[in-house]
Amino acid sequence: MTPEEREQVPDEGGDPACWLARVCPECGLVADVDPPTVCQRCGTRLETGDQG
């Protein structure tokens, strides 16, 4: 792709590729913030690295 072609490609933005660390292993709710946090639905503690 040439520099001119790159300038014409719109920035699509969107969600991060992987929010797996935010998914509660107990109930499946996606947390509003990155771990460490507590699931708003069931109270399970979400720690960094739990899912992967």
PDB file of N, CA and C in Angstrom:
ATOM      1  N   MET A   1       0.855  -1.171   0.000  1.00  0.00           N
ATOM      2  CA  MET A   1       0.000   0.000   0.000  1.00  0.00           C
ATOM      3  C   MET A   1       0.906   1.241   0.000  1.00  0.00           C
ATOM      4  N   THR A   2       0.618   2.158  -0.875  1.00  0.00           N
ATOM      5  CA  THR A   2       1.412   3.379  -0.973  1.00  0.00           C
ATOM      6  C   THR A   2       1.015   4.357   0.130  1.00  0.00           C
ATOM      7  N   PRO A   3       1.862   5.346   0.435  1.00  0.00           N
ATOM      8  CA  PRO A   3       1.500   6.355   1.440  1.00  0.00           C
ATOM      9  C   PRO A   3       0.198   7.084   1.089  1.00  0.00           C
ATOM     10  N   GLU A   4      -0.018   7.319  -0.202  1.00  0.00           N
ATOM     11  CA  GLU A   4      -1.246   7.994  -0.617  1.00  0.00           C
ATOM     12  C   GLU A   4      -2.480   7.131  -0.328  1.00  0.00           C
ATOM     13  N   GLU A   5      -2.357   5.829  -0.555  1.00  0.00           N
ATOM     14  CA  GLU A   5      -3.470   4.921  -0.290  1.00  0.00           C
ATOM     15  C   GLU A   5      -3.761   4.833   1.214  1.00  0.00           C
ATOM     16  N   ARG A   6      -2.710   4.834   2.039  1.00  0.00           N
ATOM     17  CA  ARG A   6      -2.885   4.779   3.492  1.00  0.00           C
ATOM     18  C   ARG A   6      -3.637   5.991   4.014  1.00  0.00           C
ATOM     19  N   GLU A   7      -3.390   7.145   3.421  1.00  0.00           N
ATOM     20  CA  GLU A   7      -4.067   8.372   3.847  1.00  0.00           C
ATOM     21  C   GLU A   7      -5.557   8.322   3.538  1.00  0.00           C
ATOM     22  N   GLN A   8      -5.951   7.536   2.554  1.00  0.00           N
ATOM     23  CA  GLN A   8      -7.348   7.459   2.167  1.00  0.00           C
ATOM     24  C   GLN A   8      -8.139   6.419   2.962  1.00  0.00           C
ATOM     25  N   VAL A   9      -7.456   5.548   3.711  1.00  0.00           N
ATOM     26  CA  VAL A   9      -8.125   4.519   4.499  1.00  0.00           C
ATOM     27  C   VAL A   9      -8.630   5.158   5.798  1.00  0.00           C
ATOM     28  N   PRO A  10      -9.949   5.122   6.035  1.00  0.00           N
ATOM     29  CA  PRO A  10     -10.490   5.733   7.253  1.00  0.00           C
ATOM     30  C   PRO A  10     -10.103   4.943   8.493  1.00  0.00           C
ATOM     31  N   ASP A  11      -9.906   5.646   9.601  1.00  0.00           N
ATOM     32  CA  ASP A  11      -9.635   5.015  10.879  1.00  0.00           C
ATOM     33  C   ASP A  11     -10.960   4.488  11.408  1.00  0.00           C
ATOM     34  N   GLU A  12     -11.103   3.181  11.495  1.00  0.00           N
ATOM     35  CA  GLU A  12     -12.369   2.578  11.885  1.00  0.00           C
ATOM     36  C   GLU A  12     -12.597   2.576  13.391  1.00  0.00           C
ATOM     37  N   GLY A  13     -11.536   2.685  14.170  1.00  0.00           N
ATOM     38  CA  GLY A  13     -11.705   2.696  15.621  1.00  0.00           C
ATOM     39  C   GLY A  13     -12.351   1.414  16.102  1.00  0.00           C
ATOM     40  N   GLY A  14     -13.180   1.529  17.126  1.00  0.00           N
ATOM     41  CA  GLY A  14     -13.897   0.364  17.622  1.00  0.00           C
ATOM     42  C   GLY A  14     -13.355  -0.138  18.943  1.00  0.00           C
ATOM     43  N   ASP A  15     -13.828  -1.299  19.329  1.00  0.00           N
ATOM     44  CA  ASP A  15     -13.469  -1.903  20.604  1.00  0.00           C
ATOM     45  C   ASP A  15     -12.109  -2.589  20.531  1.00  0.00           C
ATOM     46  N   PRO A  16     -11.479  -2.770  21.695  1.00  0.00           N
ATOM     47  CA  PRO A  16     -10.227  -3.520  21.719  1.00  0.00           C
ATOM     48  C   PRO A  16     -10.442  -4.938  21.188  1.00  0.00           C
ATOM     49  N   ALA A  17      -9.398  -5.518  20.672  1.00  0.00           N
ATOM     50  CA  ALA A  17      -9.510  -6.851  20.086  1.00  0.00           C
ATOM     51  C   ALA A  17      -9.869  -7.918  21.106  1.00  0.00           C
ATOM     52  N   CYS A  18      -9.445  -7.753  22.342  1.00  0.00           N
ATOM     53  CA  CYS A  18      -9.714  -8.793  23.324  1.00  0.00           C
ATOM     54  C   CYS A  18     -10.060  -8.205  24.679  1.00  0.00           C
ATOM     55  N   TRP A  19     -11.269  -8.454  25.109  1.00  0.00           N
ATOM     56  CA  TRP A  19     -11.721  -8.050  26.445  1.00  0.00           C
ATOM     57  C   TRP A  19     -11.844  -9.266  27.348  1.00  0.00           C
ATOM     58  N   LEU A  20     -11.193 -10.359  26.995  1.00  0.00           N
ATOM     59  CA  LEU A  20     -11.323 -11.605  27.732  1.00  0.00           C
ATOM     60  C   LEU A  20     -11.004 -11.446  29.216  1.00  0.00           C
ATOM     61  N   ALA A  21     -10.027 -10.607  29.551  1.00  0.00           N
ATOM     62  CA  ALA A  21      -9.666 -10.407  30.950  1.00  0.00           C
ATOM     63  C   ALA A  21     -10.799  -9.765  31.750  1.00  0.00           C
ATOM     64  N   ARG A  22     -11.735  -9.104  31.060  1.00  0.00           N
ATOM     65  CA  ARG A  22     -12.859  -8.449  31.732  1.00  0.00           C
ATOM     66  C   ARG A  22     -14.062  -9.368  31.933  1.00  0.00           C
ATOM     67  N   VAL A  23     -14.030 -10.573  31.365  1.00  0.00           N
ATOM     68  CA  VAL A  23     -15.171 -11.491  31.457  1.00  0.00           C
ATOM     69  C   VAL A  23     -15.109 -12.247  32.779  1.00  0.00           C
ATOM     70  N   CYS A  24     -16.199 -12.177  33.553  1.00  0.00           N
ATOM     71  CA  CYS A  24     -16.275 -12.882  34.827  1.00  0.00           C
ATOM     72  C   CYS A  24     -16.328 -14.386  34.565  1.00  0.00           C
ATOM     73  N   PRO A  25     -15.442 -15.165  35.188  1.00  0.00           N
ATOM     74  CA  PRO A  25     -15.445 -16.609  34.963  1.00  0.00           C
ATOM     75  C   PRO A  25     -16.656 -17.303  35.592  1.00  0.00           C
ATOM     76  N   GLU A  26     -17.316 -16.652  36.520  1.00  0.00           N
ATOM     77  CA  GLU A  26     -18.475 -17.252  37.191  1.00  0.00           C
ATOM     78  C   GLU A  26     -19.784 -17.013  36.449  1.00  0.00           C
ATOM     79  N   CYS A  27     -20.026 -15.770  35.998  1.00  0.00           N
ATOM     80  CA  CYS A  27     -21.335 -15.458  35.416  1.00  0.00           C
ATOM     81  C   CYS A  27     -21.273 -14.923  33.983  1.00  0.00           C
ATOM     82  N   GLY A  28     -20.077 -14.592  33.490  1.00  0.00           N
ATOM     83  CA  GLY A  28     -19.934 -14.159  32.108  1.00  0.00           C
ATOM     84  C   GLY A  28     -20.123 -12.672  31.854  1.00  0.00           C
ATOM     85  N   LEU A  29     -20.422 -11.904  32.891  1.00  0.00           N
ATOM     86  CA  LEU A  29     -20.583 -10.458  32.708  1.00  0.00           C
ATOM     87  C   LEU A  29     -19.255  -9.827  32.316  1.00  0.00           C
ATOM     88  N   VAL A  30     -19.293  -8.864  31.405  1.00  0.00           N
ATOM     89  CA  VAL A  30     -18.087  -8.135  31.011  1.00  0.00           C
ATOM     90  C   VAL A  30     -17.978  -6.897  31.903  1.00  0.00           C
ATOM     91  N   ALA A  31     -16.877  -6.789  32.629  1.00  0.00           N
ATOM     92  CA  ALA A  31     -16.648  -5.674  33.542  1.00  0.00           C
ATOM     93  C   ALA A  31     -16.451  -4.375  32.774  1.00  0.00           C
ATOM     94  N   ASP A  32     -16.772  -3.264  33.426  1.00  0.00           N
ATOM     95  CA  ASP A  32     -16.618  -1.938  32.811  1.00  0.00           C
ATOM     96  C   ASP A  32     -15.166  -1.483  32.762  1.00  0.00           C
ATOM     97  N   VAL A  33     -14.320  -2.043  33.621  1.00  0.00           N
ATOM     98  CA  VAL A  33     -12.916  -1.647  33.713  1.00  0.00           C
ATOM     99  C   VAL A  33     -12.030  -2.882  33.693  1.00  0.00           C
ATOM    100  N   ASP A  34     -10.752  -2.673  33.373  1.00  0.00           N
ATOM    101  CA  ASP A  34      -9.791  -3.770  33.396  1.00  0.00           C
ATOM    102  C   ASP A  34      -9.553  -4.234  34.825  1.00  0.00           C
ATOM    103  N   PRO A  35      -9.235  -5.532  34.993  1.00  0.00           N
ATOM    104  CA  PRO A  35      -8.897  -6.044  36.317  1.00  0.00           C
ATOM    105  C   PRO A  35      -7.630  -5.372  36.841  1.00  0.00           C
ATOM    106  N   PRO A  36      -7.458  -5.346  38.137  1.00  0.00           N
ATOM    107  CA  PRO A  36      -8.270  -5.999  39.160  1.00  0.00           C
ATOM    108  C   PRO A  36      -9.547  -5.220  39.442  1.00  0.00           C
ATOM    109  N   THR A  37     -10.645  -5.965  39.591  1.00  0.00           N
ATOM    110  CA  THR A  37     -11.956  -5.392  39.904  1.00  0.00           C
ATOM    111  C   THR A  37     -12.850  -6.490  40.453  1.00  0.00           C
ATOM    112  N   VAL A  38     -14.058  -6.132  40.801  1.00  0.00           N
ATOM    113  CA  VAL A  38     -15.039  -7.092  41.298  1.00  0.00           C
ATOM    114  C   VAL A  38     -16.221  -7.096  40.341  1.00  0.00           C
ATOM    115  N   CYS A  39     -16.726  -8.279  40.012  1.00  0.00           N
ATOM    116  CA  CYS A  39     -17.887  -8.403  39.133  1.00  0.00           C
ATOM    117  C   CYS A  39     -19.083  -7.719  39.773  1.00  0.00           C
ATOM    118  N   GLN A  40     -19.741  -6.869  39.022  1.00  0.00           N
ATOM    119  CA  GLN A  40     -20.904  -6.138  39.531  1.00  0.00           C
ATOM    120  C   GLN A  40     -22.109  -7.048  39.719  1.00  0.00           C
ATOM    121  N   ARG A  41     -22.160  -8.156  39.019  1.00  0.00           N
ATOM    122  CA  ARG A  41     -23.313  -9.052  39.112  1.00  0.00           C
ATOM    123  C   ARG A  41     -23.175 -10.042  40.271  1.00  0.00           C
ATOM    124  N   CYS A  42     -22.041 -10.741  40.340  1.00  0.00           N
ATOM    125  CA  CYS A  42     -21.942 -11.837  41.310  1.00  0.00           C
ATOM    126  C   CYS A  42     -20.898 -11.638  42.402  1.00  0.00           C
ATOM    127  N   GLY A  43     -20.059 -10.590  42.275  1.00  0.00           N
ATOM    128  CA  GLY A  43     -19.079 -10.296  43.315  1.00  0.00           C
ATOM    129  C   GLY A  43     -17.758 -11.034  43.198  1.00  0.00           C
ATOM    130  N   THR A  44     -17.580 -11.824  42.150  1.00  0.00           N
ATOM    131  CA  THR A  44     -16.323 -12.541  41.954  1.00  0.00           C
ATOM    132  C   THR A  44     -15.204 -11.543  41.687  1.00  0.00           C
ATOM    133  N   ARG A  45     -14.065 -11.774  42.337  1.00  0.00           N
ATOM    134  CA  ARG A  45     -12.894 -10.920  42.153  1.00  0.00           C
ATOM    135  C   ARG A  45     -12.218 -11.274  40.835  1.00  0.00           C
ATOM    136  N   LEU A  46     -12.044 -10.300  39.942  1.00  0.00           N
ATOM    137  CA  LEU A  46     -11.346 -10.481  38.678  1.00  0.00           C
ATOM    138  C   LEU A  46      -9.932  -9.940  38.846  1.00  0.00           C
ATOM    139  N   GLU A  47      -8.959 -10.800  38.677  1.00  0.00           N
ATOM    140  CA  GLU A  47      -7.555 -10.419  38.817  1.00  0.00           C
ATOM    141  C   GLU A  47      -6.891 -10.374  37.456  1.00  0.00           C
ATOM    142  N   THR A  48      -5.849  -9.593  37.324  1.00  0.00           N
ATOM    143  CA  THR A  48      -5.080  -9.523  36.094  1.00  0.00           C
ATOM    144  C   THR A  48      -4.506 -10.911  35.798  1.00  0.00           C
ATOM    145  N   GLY A  49      -4.726 -11.389  34.572  1.00  0.00           N
ATOM    146  CA  GLY A  49      -4.180 -12.676  34.151  1.00  0.00           C
ATOM    147  C   GLY A  49      -5.052 -13.871  34.462  1.00  0.00           C
ATOM    148  N   ASP A  50      -6.253 -13.691  35.037  1.00  0.00           N
ATOM    149  CA  ASP A  50      -7.131 -14.812  35.355  1.00  0.00           C
ATOM    150  C   ASP A  50      -7.519 -15.618  34.126  1.00  0.00           C
ATOM    151  N   GLN A  51      -7.743 -14.955  33.002  1.00  0.00           N
ATOM    152  CA  GLN A  51      -8.325 -15.605  31.842  1.00  0.00           C
ATOM    153  C   GLN A  51      -7.290 -16.112  30.837  1.00  0.00           C
ATOM    154  N   GLY A  52      -6.073 -15.743  30.955  1.00  0.00           N
ATOM    155  CA  GLY A  52      -5.208 -16.094  29.856  1.00  0.00           C
ATOM    156  C   GLY A  52      -3.918 -16.574  30.233  1.00  0.00           C
TER     157      GLY A  52
END
